């Protein structure tokens, strides 16, 4: 009895040139760029306003905390010293 084996030959890897890789990258880039949904001018204004208001609110909150902790530290150091 003889064992007959069939080998499946793997295709040799094609060596792609640098320029073909760069071209493929940019084709994919353009393809993905076309899928972007840009916001309307009204949405941009609204989101900008929300961002500015939140930055001001968080800034005021941090300022109040800093003021309160500074006052507390002065109070505690006044009791010790």
N, C-alpha and C. Protein backbone atom coordinates (compact mmCIF):
# COMPACT_ATOMS: atom_id res chain seq x y z
N UNK A 1 0.83 -1.18 0.00
CA UNK A 1 0.00 0.00 0.00
C UNK A 1 0.88 1.24 0.00
N UNK A 2 0.50 2.13 -0.82
CA UNK A 2 1.27 3.37 -0.84
C UNK A 2 0.35 4.52 -0.48
N UNK A 3 0.86 5.37 0.33
CA UNK A 3 0.10 6.57 0.71
C UNK A 3 0.33 7.65 -0.34
N UNK A 4 -0.76 8.08 -0.86
CA UNK A 4 -0.66 9.15 -1.84
C UNK A 4 -1.13 10.43 -1.15
N UNK A 5 -0.24 11.35 -1.08
CA UNK A 5 -0.61 12.63 -0.47
C UNK A 5 -0.54 13.71 -1.54
N UNK A 6 -1.49 14.55 -1.45
CA UNK A 6 -1.46 15.67 -2.37
C UNK A 6 -1.16 16.93 -1.58
N UNK A 7 -0.22 17.62 -2.01
CA UNK A 7 0.16 18.85 -1.33
C UNK A 7 -0.48 20.03 -2.05
N UNK A 8 -1.03 20.87 -1.26
CA UNK A 8 -1.60 22.08 -1.83
C UNK A 8 -0.52 23.15 -1.73
N UNK A 9 -0.14 23.63 -2.86
CA UNK A 9 0.91 24.64 -2.87
C UNK A 9 0.31 26.01 -2.55
N UNK A 10 0.98 26.68 -1.65
CA UNK A 10 0.54 28.03 -1.29
C UNK A 10 1.05 28.99 -2.35
N UNK A 11 0.20 29.90 -2.72
CA UNK A 11 0.67 30.88 -3.70
C UNK A 11 1.76 31.74 -3.08
N UNK A 12 2.74 32.05 -3.86
CA UNK A 12 3.83 32.88 -3.36
C UNK A 12 3.32 34.29 -3.12
N UNK A 13 3.83 34.87 -2.06
CA UNK A 13 3.42 36.23 -1.73
C UNK A 13 3.95 37.18 -2.79
N UNK A 14 3.05 38.04 -3.21
CA UNK A 14 3.48 39.05 -4.16
C UNK A 14 4.17 40.16 -3.38
N UNK A 15 5.27 40.58 -3.88
CA UNK A 15 5.95 41.70 -3.25
C UNK A 15 5.40 42.97 -3.87
N UNK A 16 4.72 43.72 -3.03
CA UNK A 16 4.11 44.95 -3.51
C UNK A 16 5.13 46.07 -3.38
N UNK A 17 5.13 46.92 -4.36
CA UNK A 17 6.07 48.03 -4.32
C UNK A 17 5.58 49.08 -3.33
N UNK A 18 6.49 49.94 -2.97
CA UNK A 18 6.19 51.01 -2.02
C UNK A 18 5.06 51.88 -2.56
N UNK A 19 5.11 52.21 -3.83
CA UNK A 19 4.13 53.11 -4.41
C UNK A 19 2.74 52.48 -4.50
N UNK A 20 2.68 51.17 -4.68
CA UNK A 20 1.36 50.53 -4.71
C UNK A 20 0.75 50.52 -3.31
N UNK A 21 1.60 50.38 -2.28
CA UNK A 21 1.10 50.43 -0.90
C UNK A 21 0.60 51.83 -0.56
N UNK A 22 1.36 52.83 -0.99
CA UNK A 22 0.95 54.21 -0.74
C UNK A 22 -0.35 54.52 -1.47
N UNK A 23 -0.46 54.06 -2.71
CA UNK A 23 -1.69 54.28 -3.47
C UNK A 23 -2.89 53.62 -2.81
N UNK A 24 -2.68 52.40 -2.31
CA UNK A 24 -3.77 51.69 -1.63
C UNK A 24 -4.18 52.44 -0.36
N UNK A 25 -3.20 52.97 0.36
CA UNK A 25 -3.50 53.73 1.58
C UNK A 25 -4.37 54.94 1.25
N UNK A 26 -4.00 55.69 0.22
CA UNK A 26 -4.76 56.90 -0.11
C UNK A 26 -6.13 56.58 -0.68
N UNK A 27 -6.27 55.48 -1.39
CA UNK A 27 -7.59 55.09 -1.87
C UNK A 27 -8.50 54.76 -0.69
N UNK A 28 -7.96 54.06 0.31
CA UNK A 28 -8.73 53.77 1.52
C UNK A 28 -9.05 55.04 2.29
N UNK A 29 -8.09 55.96 2.32
CA UNK A 29 -8.28 57.23 3.02
C UNK A 29 -9.42 58.01 2.39
N UNK A 30 -9.43 58.13 1.09
CA UNK A 30 -10.47 58.87 0.39
C UNK A 30 -11.82 58.18 0.59
N UNK A 31 -11.82 56.86 0.56
CA UNK A 31 -13.06 56.11 0.76
C UNK A 31 -13.65 56.39 2.13
N UNK A 32 -12.81 56.40 3.16
CA UNK A 32 -13.30 56.67 4.52
C UNK A 32 -13.70 58.13 4.67
N UNK A 33 -12.97 59.02 4.02
CA UNK A 33 -13.27 60.45 4.12
C UNK A 33 -14.64 60.77 3.55
N UNK A 34 -15.06 60.03 2.53
CA UNK A 34 -16.37 60.26 1.93
C UNK A 34 -17.51 59.84 2.86
N UNK A 35 -17.23 59.01 3.86
CA UNK A 35 -18.26 58.53 4.78
C UNK A 35 -18.54 59.51 5.92
N UNK A 36 -17.75 60.56 6.02
CA UNK A 36 -17.91 61.51 7.11
C UNK A 36 -19.21 62.30 6.92
N UNK A 37 -19.96 62.44 8.01
CA UNK A 37 -21.17 63.26 7.98
C UNK A 37 -20.83 64.54 8.73
N UNK A 38 -20.73 65.63 8.00
CA UNK A 38 -20.35 66.90 8.60
C UNK A 38 -21.56 67.54 9.27
N UNK A 39 -21.35 68.18 10.44
CA UNK A 39 -22.47 68.84 11.12
C UNK A 39 -22.87 70.10 10.38
N UNK A 40 -24.11 70.49 10.61
CA UNK A 40 -24.58 71.73 10.00
C UNK A 40 -24.02 72.92 10.78
N UNK A 41 -24.12 74.11 10.18
CA UNK A 41 -23.61 75.31 10.85
C UNK A 41 -24.38 75.55 12.15
N UNK A 42 -25.66 75.24 12.17
CA UNK A 42 -26.48 75.42 13.38
C UNK A 42 -25.98 74.50 14.50
N UNK A 43 -25.65 73.25 14.15
CA UNK A 43 -25.13 72.31 15.15
C UNK A 43 -23.78 72.75 15.68
N UNK A 44 -22.94 73.28 14.80
CA UNK A 44 -21.62 73.76 15.22
C UNK A 44 -21.76 74.90 16.22
N UNK A 45 -22.63 75.86 15.92
CA UNK A 45 -22.84 76.99 16.84
C UNK A 45 -23.37 76.51 18.18
N UNK A 46 -24.34 75.60 18.15
CA UNK A 46 -24.93 75.09 19.39
C UNK A 46 -23.88 74.37 20.24
N UNK A 47 -23.10 73.49 19.61
CA UNK A 47 -22.09 72.74 20.35
C UNK A 47 -20.99 73.65 20.88
N UNK A 48 -20.64 74.69 20.12
CA UNK A 48 -19.65 75.65 20.59
C UNK A 48 -20.16 76.40 21.80
N UNK A 49 -21.41 76.83 21.76
CA UNK A 49 -22.00 77.54 22.89
C UNK A 49 -22.04 76.65 24.13
N UNK A 50 -22.44 75.39 23.97
CA UNK A 50 -22.49 74.46 25.09
C UNK A 50 -21.10 74.27 25.68
N UNK A 51 -20.09 74.16 24.82
CA UNK A 51 -18.72 73.98 25.29
C UNK A 51 -18.25 75.20 26.08
N UNK A 52 -18.51 76.40 25.57
CA UNK A 52 -18.09 77.62 26.26
C UNK A 52 -18.78 77.74 27.61
N UNK A 53 -20.08 77.47 27.66
CA UNK A 53 -20.82 77.55 28.92
C UNK A 53 -20.27 76.55 29.94
N UNK A 54 -19.98 75.33 29.50
CA UNK A 54 -19.46 74.31 30.41
C UNK A 54 -18.06 74.66 30.92
N UNK A 55 -17.23 75.22 30.05
CA UNK A 55 -15.89 75.62 30.48
C UNK A 55 -15.99 76.71 31.55
N UNK A 56 -16.88 77.66 31.34
CA UNK A 56 -17.06 78.73 32.34
C UNK A 56 -17.61 78.15 33.64
N UNK A 57 -18.60 77.26 33.56
CA UNK A 57 -19.20 76.66 34.77
C UNK A 57 -18.17 75.85 35.55
N UNK A 58 -17.39 75.04 34.87
CA UNK A 58 -16.38 74.23 35.56
C UNK A 58 -15.30 75.13 36.14
N UNK A 59 -14.94 76.19 35.41
CA UNK A 59 -13.94 77.14 35.92
C UNK A 59 -14.42 77.80 37.20
N UNK A 60 -15.68 78.22 37.23
CA UNK A 60 -16.24 78.84 38.45
C UNK A 60 -16.26 77.84 39.59
N UNK A 61 -16.64 76.59 39.30
CA UNK A 61 -16.68 75.55 40.33
C UNK A 61 -15.29 75.32 40.92
N UNK A 62 -14.28 75.22 40.07
CA UNK A 62 -12.91 75.00 40.55
C UNK A 62 -12.43 76.21 41.35
N UNK A 63 -12.77 77.44 40.90
CA UNK A 63 -12.40 78.63 41.63
C UNK A 63 -13.04 78.65 43.02
N UNK A 64 -14.32 78.26 43.11
CA UNK A 64 -14.98 78.21 44.41
C UNK A 64 -14.34 77.18 45.34
N UNK A 65 -14.01 76.00 44.79
CA UNK A 65 -13.32 75.00 45.60
C UNK A 65 -11.97 75.51 46.08
N UNK A 66 -11.22 76.15 45.20
CA UNK A 66 -9.92 76.69 45.57
C UNK A 66 -10.06 77.74 46.68
N UNK A 67 -11.05 78.61 46.52
CA UNK A 67 -11.30 79.64 47.53
C UNK A 67 -11.66 79.00 48.87
N UNK A 68 -12.56 78.00 48.85
CA UNK A 68 -13.01 77.36 50.09
C UNK A 68 -11.86 76.61 50.77
N UNK A 69 -11.09 75.86 50.00
CA UNK A 69 -9.98 75.13 50.61
C UNK A 69 -8.88 76.07 51.10
N UNK A 70 -8.67 77.17 50.41
CA UNK A 70 -7.70 78.17 50.87
C UNK A 70 -8.13 78.78 52.18
N UNK A 71 -9.42 79.13 52.25
CA UNK A 71 -9.96 79.69 53.50
C UNK A 71 -9.85 78.66 54.63
N UNK A 72 -10.18 77.41 54.35
CA UNK A 72 -10.10 76.36 55.36
C UNK A 72 -8.67 76.16 55.84
N UNK A 73 -7.71 76.19 54.91
CA UNK A 73 -6.31 76.03 55.28
C UNK A 73 -5.85 77.19 56.16
N UNK A 74 -6.22 78.42 55.78
CA UNK A 74 -5.87 79.57 56.61
C UNK A 74 -6.49 79.46 58.00
N UNK A 75 -7.72 78.98 58.07
CA UNK A 75 -8.41 78.82 59.36
C UNK A 75 -7.69 77.81 60.25
N UNK A 76 -7.34 76.65 59.67
CA UNK A 76 -6.66 75.59 60.43
C UNK A 76 -5.27 76.05 60.85
N UNK A 77 -4.54 76.70 59.96
CA UNK A 77 -3.20 77.21 60.33
C UNK A 77 -3.29 78.31 61.36
N UNK A 78 -4.37 79.10 61.36
CA UNK A 78 -4.57 80.13 62.38
C UNK A 78 -4.81 79.52 63.75
N UNK A 79 -5.48 78.36 63.78
CA UNK A 79 -5.71 77.68 65.06
C UNK A 79 -4.44 77.08 65.61
N UNK A 80 -3.60 76.57 64.72
CA UNK A 80 -2.35 75.93 65.15
C UNK A 80 -1.33 76.98 65.56
N UNK A 81 -1.20 78.05 64.79
CA UNK A 81 -0.12 79.01 65.00
C UNK A 81 -0.53 80.10 65.88
